[in-house]
N, C-alpha and C. Protein backbone atom coordinates (compact mmCIF):
# COMPACT_ATOMS: atom_id res chain seq x y z
N MET A 1 134.69 126.85 29.32
CA MET A 1 134.12 126.00 30.05
C MET A 1 132.72 125.31 29.13
N THR A 2 132.03 124.33 29.55
CA THR A 2 131.47 123.73 28.60
C THR A 2 130.29 123.84 28.66
N ILE A 3 129.18 123.64 27.35
CA ILE A 3 127.71 124.02 27.20
C ILE A 3 127.64 123.40 28.88
N ALA A 4 127.55 122.16 28.73
CA ALA A 4 127.40 121.25 30.03
C ALA A 4 127.05 121.89 31.25
N TYR A 5 128.69 122.55 31.49
CA TYR A 5 128.62 123.35 32.22
C TYR A 5 127.91 124.89 32.77
N TRP A 6 127.83 125.34 31.74
CA TRP A 6 126.92 126.64 31.10
C TRP A 6 125.66 126.18 32.10
N CYS A 7 124.90 124.94 31.50
CA CYS A 7 123.84 124.20 31.74
C CYS A 7 123.63 124.37 33.02
N VAL A 8 124.62 124.02 34.26
CA VAL A 8 124.62 123.49 35.33
C VAL A 8 124.41 125.04 35.99
N PHE A 9 124.93 125.65 35.94
CA PHE A 9 125.09 127.32 36.32
C PHE A 9 123.32 127.87 36.41
N ALA A 10 122.92 127.31 34.56
CA ALA A 10 121.27 127.89 34.62
C ALA A 10 120.19 126.67 35.63
N ALA A 11 120.75 125.84 35.29
CA ALA A 11 119.81 125.07 36.61
C ALA A 11 119.74 125.63 38.19
N ILE A 12 121.01 126.17 38.41
CA ILE A 12 120.68 126.59 39.77
C ILE A 12 120.23 127.80 39.82
N LEU A 13 119.74 128.05 38.80
CA LEU A 13 119.11 129.64 38.51
C LEU A 13 117.79 129.42 38.49
N LEU A 14 117.52 128.40 37.84
CA LEU A 14 115.90 127.92 37.34
C LEU A 14 115.31 128.20 38.57
N PRO A 15 115.56 127.87 39.68
CA PRO A 15 114.19 127.75 40.24
C PRO A 15 113.74 129.08 40.79
N LEU A 16 114.54 130.01 40.61
CA LEU A 16 114.18 131.81 40.92
C LEU A 16 113.09 132.11 39.75
N LEU A 17 113.33 131.77 38.76
CA LEU A 17 112.03 131.48 37.53
C LEU A 17 111.05 131.73 37.87
N PHE A 18 110.90 130.23 38.88
CA PHE A 18 109.33 129.94 39.52
C PHE A 18 109.04 130.83 40.75
N THR A 19 110.33 130.82 41.12
CA THR A 19 110.10 131.75 42.88
C THR A 19 109.54 132.78 41.96
N ALA A 20 109.82 133.88 41.11
CA ALA A 20 109.37 135.27 40.65
C ALA A 20 108.08 134.98 40.35
N LEU A 21 107.67 134.17 39.87
CA LEU A 21 106.20 133.78 38.94
C LEU A 21 105.67 133.70 40.30
N ALA A 22 105.80 133.27 41.33
CA ALA A 22 105.38 132.59 42.57
C ALA A 22 104.56 133.56 43.67
N LYS A 23 106.24 134.71 43.86
CA LYS A 23 106.02 135.86 44.54
C LYS A 23 105.71 136.72 43.79
N PHE A 24 105.71 137.15 42.74
CA PHE A 24 106.08 138.88 42.20
C PHE A 24 104.86 139.05 41.12
N THR A 25 103.86 138.17 40.89
CA THR A 25 103.02 138.03 39.66
C THR A 25 101.90 138.70 40.49
N GLY A 26 101.32 138.75 42.06
CA GLY A 26 100.17 139.21 42.38
C GLY A 26 100.44 140.52 42.94
N ASN A 27 99.68 141.60 43.96
CA ASN A 27 99.97 142.44 44.21
C ASN A 27 100.82 142.33 45.35
N TYR A 28 101.65 141.42 45.91
CA TYR A 28 102.00 141.26 47.00
C TYR A 28 103.27 142.51 47.52
N GLY A 29 104.02 142.40 46.49
CA GLY A 29 105.11 143.28 47.09
C GLY A 29 106.09 143.30 48.05
N PRO A 30 106.58 143.69 48.67
CA PRO A 30 108.30 143.14 49.53
C PRO A 30 107.60 142.54 50.60
N ARG A 31 106.25 142.70 50.93
CA ARG A 31 105.47 141.45 52.08
C ARG A 31 105.58 139.97 52.45
N ALA A 32 106.18 139.75 50.68
CA ALA A 32 106.35 138.34 50.47
C ALA A 32 107.74 137.99 50.93
N ASN A 33 108.40 138.80 51.22
CA ASN A 33 109.66 138.08 51.98
C ASN A 33 109.88 138.05 53.52
N LEU A 34 108.84 138.75 53.72
CA LEU A 34 108.92 138.94 55.65
C LEU A 34 108.87 137.74 56.08
N ALA A 35 107.98 136.73 55.86
CA ALA A 35 107.82 135.27 56.21
C ALA A 35 107.34 134.44 54.74
N PRO A 36 108.48 134.05 54.14
CA PRO A 36 108.26 133.87 52.41
C PRO A 36 107.84 132.72 52.57
N ARG A 37 107.98 131.27 53.74
CA ARG A 37 107.78 130.00 53.76
C ARG A 37 106.29 130.29 53.86
N GLU A 38 105.61 130.62 54.80
CA GLU A 38 104.09 131.33 54.86
C GLU A 38 103.43 131.98 54.10
N PHE A 39 104.02 132.83 53.38
CA PHE A 39 103.28 133.16 52.44
C PHE A 39 103.22 132.24 51.19
N LEU A 40 104.42 131.83 50.65
CA LEU A 40 104.18 130.83 49.92
C LEU A 40 103.28 129.34 50.23
N ASP A 41 102.79 129.35 51.13
CA ASP A 41 102.41 128.45 51.78
C ASP A 41 100.82 128.79 51.43
N GLY A 42 100.40 130.38 51.28
CA GLY A 42 99.30 130.53 51.53
C GLY A 42 98.59 130.92 50.04
N LEU A 43 99.76 130.64 48.96
CA LEU A 43 99.16 130.78 47.86
C LEU A 43 98.46 129.66 47.03
N ASP A 44 97.47 130.17 46.50
CA ASP A 44 96.86 129.41 45.56
C ASP A 44 96.77 129.58 44.08
N GLY A 45 96.15 128.71 43.17
CA GLY A 45 96.12 128.67 41.79
C GLY A 45 97.55 128.21 40.79
N PHE A 46 97.97 129.25 40.12
CA PHE A 46 99.01 128.84 39.35
C PHE A 46 100.37 129.60 40.49
N ARG A 47 99.97 130.42 41.38
CA ARG A 47 101.14 130.83 41.95
C ARG A 47 101.59 129.97 43.08
N LYS A 48 101.02 128.79 43.72
CA LYS A 48 100.91 127.73 44.32
C LYS A 48 101.87 127.05 43.63
N ARG A 49 101.19 126.31 42.36
CA ARG A 49 101.57 125.39 41.70
C ARG A 49 103.42 126.06 40.90
N ALA A 50 103.28 127.09 40.96
CA ALA A 50 105.07 127.68 40.41
C ALA A 50 105.71 127.38 41.51
N ASN A 51 105.53 127.87 42.78
CA ASN A 51 106.48 127.41 44.28
C ASN A 51 106.29 125.23 44.26
N TRP A 52 105.24 125.13 44.20
CA TRP A 52 105.94 123.40 43.77
C TRP A 52 106.87 123.17 42.71
N ALA A 53 106.46 123.93 41.31
CA ALA A 53 107.84 123.79 40.36
C ALA A 53 109.21 123.85 41.30
N GLN A 54 109.19 125.00 41.20
CA GLN A 54 110.37 125.40 42.35
C GLN A 54 111.17 124.71 43.13
N LEU A 55 110.14 123.57 43.96
CA LEU A 55 110.45 122.56 44.94
C LEU A 55 111.10 121.48 44.03
N ASN A 56 110.02 121.26 43.30
CA ASN A 56 110.83 120.01 42.38
C ASN A 56 111.90 120.31 42.06
N THR A 57 111.78 121.68 41.45
CA THR A 57 113.79 121.79 40.35
C THR A 57 114.46 121.99 41.56
N HIS A 58 114.30 122.18 42.81
CA HIS A 58 115.61 122.06 43.27
C HIS A 58 115.84 120.81 43.48
N GLU A 59 114.73 119.58 43.82
CA GLU A 59 115.44 118.20 43.94
C GLU A 59 116.09 117.62 42.78
N SER A 60 115.59 117.86 41.79
CA SER A 60 116.30 117.60 40.44
C SER A 60 117.68 117.81 40.22
N ILE A 61 117.67 119.04 41.06
CA ILE A 61 119.42 119.70 40.39
C ILE A 61 120.30 118.73 40.70
N PRO A 62 120.85 118.22 42.05
CA PRO A 62 122.05 117.76 42.38
C PRO A 62 121.98 116.41 41.70
N ALA A 63 121.09 115.40 41.27
CA ALA A 63 121.31 114.77 40.13
C ALA A 63 121.99 114.78 38.99
N PHE A 64 121.09 116.39 38.54
CA PHE A 64 121.82 116.36 37.08
C PHE A 64 123.42 117.21 37.33
N MET A 65 123.67 117.86 38.12
CA MET A 65 124.68 118.45 38.77
C MET A 65 125.54 116.98 38.18
N ALA A 66 125.83 116.24 39.17
CA ALA A 66 126.46 114.88 39.53
C ALA A 66 126.87 114.13 38.31
N ALA A 67 125.52 114.06 37.13
CA ALA A 67 125.38 113.36 35.86
C ALA A 67 126.38 114.48 35.05
N VAL A 68 126.04 115.47 34.86
CA VAL A 68 126.95 116.00 34.24
C VAL A 68 128.42 115.72 34.46
N ILE A 69 128.90 116.09 35.51
CA ILE A 69 130.27 115.70 36.13
C ILE A 69 130.50 114.80 36.11
N ILE A 70 129.99 113.58 36.33
CA ILE A 70 130.59 112.19 36.35
C ILE A 70 130.88 112.22 34.46
N ALA A 71 129.88 112.54 33.75
CA ALA A 71 130.42 111.94 32.38
C ALA A 71 130.98 112.94 31.81
N HIS A 72 131.62 114.41 32.23
CA HIS A 72 132.96 114.97 32.05
C HIS A 72 134.17 114.32 32.39
N GLN A 73 133.90 113.75 33.51
CA GLN A 73 135.55 112.38 34.30
C GLN A 73 135.33 111.69 33.46
N MET A 74 134.23 110.88 33.05
CA MET A 74 134.75 110.14 31.72
C MET A 74 135.18 110.29 30.59
N GLN A 75 134.99 111.54 30.04
CA GLN A 75 135.41 111.58 28.81
C GLN A 75 134.40 111.45 28.08
N GLY A 76 133.33 111.25 28.41
CA GLY A 76 131.79 110.93 27.35
C GLY A 76 132.32 111.68 26.05
N ASP A 77 131.29 111.48 25.10
CA ASP A 77 131.11 112.65 23.96
C ASP A 77 130.40 113.77 24.15
N GLN A 78 131.57 114.78 24.12
CA GLN A 78 131.30 116.40 24.60
C GLN A 78 129.85 116.52 24.01
N SER A 79 130.01 116.49 22.86
CA SER A 79 128.58 116.84 21.91
C SER A 79 127.42 116.26 22.66
N MET A 80 127.13 115.12 23.00
CA MET A 80 126.02 114.24 23.52
C MET A 80 126.18 114.82 25.06
N ILE A 81 126.64 115.17 26.10
CA ILE A 81 126.87 116.00 26.87
C ILE A 81 125.87 116.74 27.14
N ASP A 82 126.27 117.81 25.79
CA ASP A 82 125.85 118.92 25.81
C ASP A 82 124.42 119.19 25.36
N ALA A 83 124.15 118.28 24.61
CA ALA A 83 122.71 118.24 23.51
C ALA A 83 122.06 117.76 25.42
N LEU A 84 122.43 116.81 25.83
CA LEU A 84 121.13 116.27 26.75
C LEU A 84 121.44 117.27 27.90
N ALA A 85 122.72 118.10 28.09
CA ALA A 85 122.23 119.41 28.88
C ALA A 85 121.11 120.68 28.89
N VAL A 86 121.40 120.62 27.66
CA VAL A 86 120.55 121.56 27.11
C VAL A 86 119.39 121.21 26.97
N SER A 87 119.06 119.77 26.63
CA SER A 87 117.30 119.44 26.48
C SER A 87 117.26 119.22 28.23
N TYR A 88 117.68 118.86 28.69
CA TYR A 88 117.75 119.21 30.32
C TYR A 88 117.04 120.34 30.71
N ILE A 89 117.79 121.25 30.52
CA ILE A 89 117.26 122.84 31.07
C ILE A 89 115.77 123.07 30.59
N ILE A 90 116.02 122.91 29.00
CA ILE A 90 114.25 123.16 28.02
C ILE A 90 113.47 122.34 28.44
N LEU A 91 113.85 121.19 29.32
CA LEU A 91 112.42 120.31 29.58
C LEU A 91 112.29 120.71 30.96
N ARG A 92 113.06 121.03 32.27
CA ARG A 92 112.37 121.68 33.08
C ARG A 92 111.66 122.97 33.00
N ILE A 93 112.05 123.63 31.98
CA ILE A 93 111.43 125.13 31.90
C ILE A 93 109.97 124.72 31.45
N VAL A 94 109.74 123.90 30.09
CA VAL A 94 108.95 123.64 29.85
C VAL A 94 107.92 122.61 30.81
N TYR A 95 108.16 122.13 31.46
CA TYR A 95 108.02 121.02 33.10
C TYR A 95 107.32 122.13 33.97
N GLY A 96 107.90 123.36 34.19
CA GLY A 96 107.35 124.33 35.54
C GLY A 96 106.19 125.13 34.48
N PHE A 97 106.19 124.95 33.60
CA PHE A 97 105.34 126.19 33.11
C PHE A 97 103.81 124.83 32.50
N LEU A 98 103.93 123.96 32.15
CA LEU A 98 103.17 122.55 32.66
C LEU A 98 102.50 122.73 34.09
N TYR A 99 103.11 122.68 35.00
CA TYR A 99 102.90 122.39 36.38
C TYR A 99 102.04 123.97 36.62
N MET A 100 102.61 124.80 36.33
CA MET A 100 101.65 125.92 36.77
C MET A 100 100.30 126.25 35.68
N ALA A 101 100.37 125.33 34.58
CA ALA A 101 99.01 125.64 34.26
C ALA A 101 98.12 124.13 34.12
N ASN A 102 98.69 123.60 35.39
CA ASN A 102 97.84 122.29 35.82
C ASN A 102 97.72 120.69 35.01
N LYS A 103 98.66 120.92 34.10
CA LYS A 103 98.20 119.92 32.85
C LYS A 103 99.47 118.29 33.61
N GLY A 104 98.72 117.46 34.28
CA GLY A 104 99.14 116.91 35.19
C GLY A 104 100.06 115.83 33.52
N LEU A 105 99.42 114.91 32.94
CA LEU A 105 99.92 113.89 32.40
C LEU A 105 101.02 114.27 31.23
N PRO A 106 101.25 115.80 30.51
CA PRO A 106 102.17 116.21 29.70
C PRO A 106 102.94 116.55 30.87
N ARG A 107 102.94 117.05 32.00
CA ARG A 107 104.06 117.22 32.93
C ARG A 107 104.91 116.21 33.27
N THR A 108 103.77 115.37 33.61
CA THR A 108 104.67 113.76 34.10
C THR A 108 105.60 113.21 33.04
N ILE A 109 105.32 113.32 31.85
CA ILE A 109 106.23 113.16 30.79
C ILE A 109 107.11 113.90 30.26
N VAL A 110 107.10 115.27 30.51
CA VAL A 110 108.47 116.19 30.01
C VAL A 110 109.31 115.88 31.59
N TRP A 111 108.81 115.58 32.79
CA TRP A 111 109.56 115.44 33.68
C TRP A 111 110.43 113.95 33.70
N THR A 112 109.44 113.04 33.17
CA THR A 112 110.18 111.53 32.99
C THR A 112 111.52 112.05 31.77
N ALA A 113 111.19 112.66 30.62
CA ALA A 113 112.35 112.95 29.82
C ALA A 113 113.58 113.52 30.38
N ALA A 114 113.23 114.89 31.32
CA ALA A 114 114.23 115.28 31.59
C ALA A 114 114.76 114.26 32.35
N LEU A 115 114.25 113.38 33.28
CA LEU A 115 115.51 112.37 34.09
C LEU A 115 116.09 111.76 33.46
N LEU A 116 115.47 110.96 32.07
CA LEU A 116 116.21 110.34 31.25
C LEU A 116 117.23 111.07 30.68
N CYS A 117 117.31 112.37 30.48
CA CYS A 117 118.56 113.00 30.03
C CYS A 117 119.62 113.31 31.27
N THR A 118 119.15 113.32 32.46
CA THR A 118 119.88 113.49 33.25
C THR A 118 120.66 111.34 33.43
N LEU A 119 119.95 110.81 33.17
CA LEU A 119 120.90 109.23 33.63
C LEU A 119 121.30 109.10 32.29
N ALA A 120 120.45 109.29 31.06
CA ALA A 120 121.75 109.45 29.94
C ALA A 120 123.40 109.84 29.85
N GLN A 121 123.22 110.72 30.86
CA GLN A 121 124.59 111.33 30.99
C GLN A 121 125.54 110.18 31.08
N PHE A 122 125.27 109.58 32.08
CA PHE A 122 126.17 107.99 32.42
C PHE A 122 126.47 107.05 31.29
N PHE A 123 126.02 107.20 30.35
CA PHE A 123 126.02 106.54 29.11
C PHE A 123 126.60 107.01 27.77
N THR A 124 127.47 108.38 28.02
CA THR A 124 128.04 109.63 26.71
C THR A 124 129.08 108.64 26.21
N PHE A 125 129.48 108.01 26.74
CA PHE A 125 131.21 107.21 26.29
C PHE A 125 131.23 106.46 24.93
């Protein structure tokens, strides 16, 4: 399996990081899972923003997965495919932490860079 495919696997797990930070960094315990959507809607501060980062990460995954798969099918430059995929994962982690820190402009810049990593997969031939 290529590094880029492992990054697809990591991308699928990435929202769990932000979910864990939203749900388990306070004194909430198991009750956070009784009505999770209601619970998450009631959060505030960095925990609410961690949930938003989770949701946005879920939204970005399908395009990333498709781009990696298509780049492989087009038999693009594997080192470039891998580098772009790793960059996407790193940028999405940074994005999440900037989201939680409420840093709007840097977050937008990092979001854009991660999107460009996804789009660049189509030009790795």
